[in-house]
Amino acid sequence: MNGGLLVRLIGQICILVGLLFAILGIGLWGVGADVTIPAGKMWFKIDSASLSLLQSFVQRYINPELWNVLVVSLLLRPVWEAFSIIVVFLALVGGALVSLGRRRRSTLR
């Protein structure tokens, strides 16, 4: 597997995960969930164990400041806004990676 193919694959996975977040957000809104409450509150109601697991993983293995600055700020936003930010971010990163992974055509023959 060459580097360009791997970068393109990671980009496509980012786009797919972004689409899944969009579907999840639309599904929550469709079933009548209150999407104006903070995302952290909803996540805690749905599955508090996974929220605690993610917090300990990010703080221990990645960077404690990443949790404090990035994740907490997302969890304090309304659900619809947090999902929108995640979807747009993943779409931009995924699109950039897919574009970078493409082979450039040579114009000289």
Protein backbone atom coordinates (compact mmCIF):
# COMPACT_ATOMS: atom_id res chain seq x y z
CA MET A 1 0.00 0.00 0.00
CA ASN A 2 1.60 3.27 -1.07
CA GLY A 3 1.47 6.50 0.92
CA GLY A 4 -1.02 8.28 -1.34
CA LEU A 5 -3.49 5.44 -1.10
CA LEU A 6 -3.22 5.37 2.70
CA VAL A 7 -3.74 9.14 2.97
CA ARG A 8 -6.77 8.91 0.66
CA LEU A 9 -8.19 6.03 2.73
CA ILE A 10 -7.82 7.98 5.98
CA GLY A 11 -9.52 10.94 4.30
CA GLN A 12 -12.42 8.78 3.17
CA ILE A 13 -12.77 7.37 6.69
CA CYS A 14 -12.91 10.93 8.08
CA ILE A 15 -15.66 11.79 5.62
CA LEU A 16 -17.58 8.62 6.50
CA VAL A 17 -17.35 9.32 10.24
CA GLY A 18 -18.51 12.88 9.58
CA LEU A 19 -21.52 11.55 7.69
CA LEU A 20 -22.29 9.20 10.58
CA PHE A 21 -22.20 12.14 13.01
CA ALA A 22 -24.56 14.06 10.72
CA ILE A 23 -26.97 11.11 10.58
CA LEU A 24 -26.78 10.69 14.36
CA GLY A 25 -27.51 14.38 14.89
CA ILE A 26 -30.45 14.35 12.50
CA GLY A 27 -31.69 11.15 14.15
CA LEU A 28 -31.55 12.70 17.63
CA TRP A 29 -33.46 15.72 16.39
CA GLY A 30 -35.92 13.49 14.53
CA VAL A 31 -36.85 11.45 17.59
CA GLY A 32 -37.54 14.61 19.55
CA ALA A 33 -34.41 14.78 21.70
CA ASP A 34 -33.62 18.20 23.10
CA VAL A 35 -30.67 19.22 20.92
CA THR A 36 -30.34 22.57 22.69
CA ILE A 37 -28.89 21.10 25.91
CA PRO A 38 -25.11 20.88 26.30
CA ALA A 39 -23.58 17.95 24.43
CA GLY A 40 -21.80 16.74 27.57
CA LYS A 41 -25.08 16.55 29.47
CA MET A 42 -26.71 14.48 26.74
CA TRP A 43 -23.70 12.19 26.43
CA PHE A 44 -23.69 11.71 30.22
CA LYS A 45 -27.39 10.78 30.12
CA ILE A 46 -26.90 8.31 27.26
CA ASP A 47 -23.67 6.61 28.41
CA SER A 48 -21.66 8.17 31.23
CA ALA A 49 -19.14 5.30 31.27
CA SER A 50 -17.95 5.99 27.71
CA LEU A 51 -17.60 9.70 28.49
CA SER A 52 -15.40 8.90 31.49
CA LEU A 53 -13.40 6.39 29.44
CA LEU A 54 -12.78 8.94 26.69
CA GLN A 55 -11.71 11.54 29.25
CA SER A 56 -9.19 9.25 30.91
CA PHE A 57 -7.84 8.04 27.54
CA VAL A 58 -7.36 11.56 26.15
CA GLN A 59 -5.83 12.92 29.34
CA ARG A 60 -3.50 9.97 29.91
CA TYR A 61 -2.38 8.97 26.42
CA ILE A 62 -2.82 12.02 24.21
CA ASN A 63 -2.63 15.35 26.08
CA PRO A 64 -4.46 16.65 29.16
CA GLU A 65 -4.69 20.13 27.64
CA LEU A 66 -6.46 18.72 24.59
CA TRP A 67 -9.26 17.55 26.87
CA ASN A 68 -9.44 20.83 28.79
CA VAL A 69 -9.28 23.16 25.79
CA LEU A 70 -10.90 21.31 22.90
CA VAL A 71 -13.16 18.54 24.17
CA VAL A 72 -14.63 20.40 27.15
CA SER A 73 -15.43 23.40 24.96
CA LEU A 74 -17.30 21.08 22.57
CA LEU A 75 -19.14 19.34 25.42
CA LEU A 76 -20.36 22.69 26.76
CA ARG A 77 -21.93 23.67 23.42
CA PRO A 78 -25.48 22.68 22.46
CA VAL A 79 -25.73 19.25 20.87
CA TRP A 80 -26.66 20.58 17.43
CA GLU A 81 -23.72 23.00 17.44
CA ALA A 82 -21.17 20.42 18.66
CA PHE A 83 -22.29 17.94 15.98
CA SER A 84 -22.14 20.65 13.31
CA ILE A 85 -18.57 21.57 14.30
CA ILE A 86 -17.48 17.92 14.23
CA VAL A 87 -19.13 17.28 10.84
CA VAL A 88 -17.59 20.35 9.22
CA PHE A 89 -14.15 19.60 10.72
CA LEU A 90 -14.17 15.98 9.55
CA ALA A 91 -15.42 16.98 6.09
CA LEU A 92 -12.62 19.54 5.69
CA VAL A 93 -9.89 17.22 6.98
CA GLY A 94 -11.22 14.30 4.96
CA GLY A 95 -11.49 16.33 1.78
CA ALA A 96 -7.97 17.70 2.22
CA LEU A 97 -6.54 14.22 2.80
CA VAL A 98 -8.37 12.75 -0.20
CA SER A 99 -7.07 15.60 -2.33
CA LEU A 100 -3.50 15.16 -1.06
CA GLY A 101 -3.62 11.43 -1.69
CA ARG A 102 -4.46 11.76 -5.36
CA ARG A 103 -1.72 11.23 -7.89
CA ARG A 104 -0.80 14.33 -9.78
CA ARG A 105 -1.01 14.00 -13.52
CA SER A 106 2.06 15.03 -15.39
CA THR A 107 1.38 17.60 -18.09
CA LEU A 108 4.65 16.79 -19.86
CA ARG A 109 4.65 13.84 -22.24
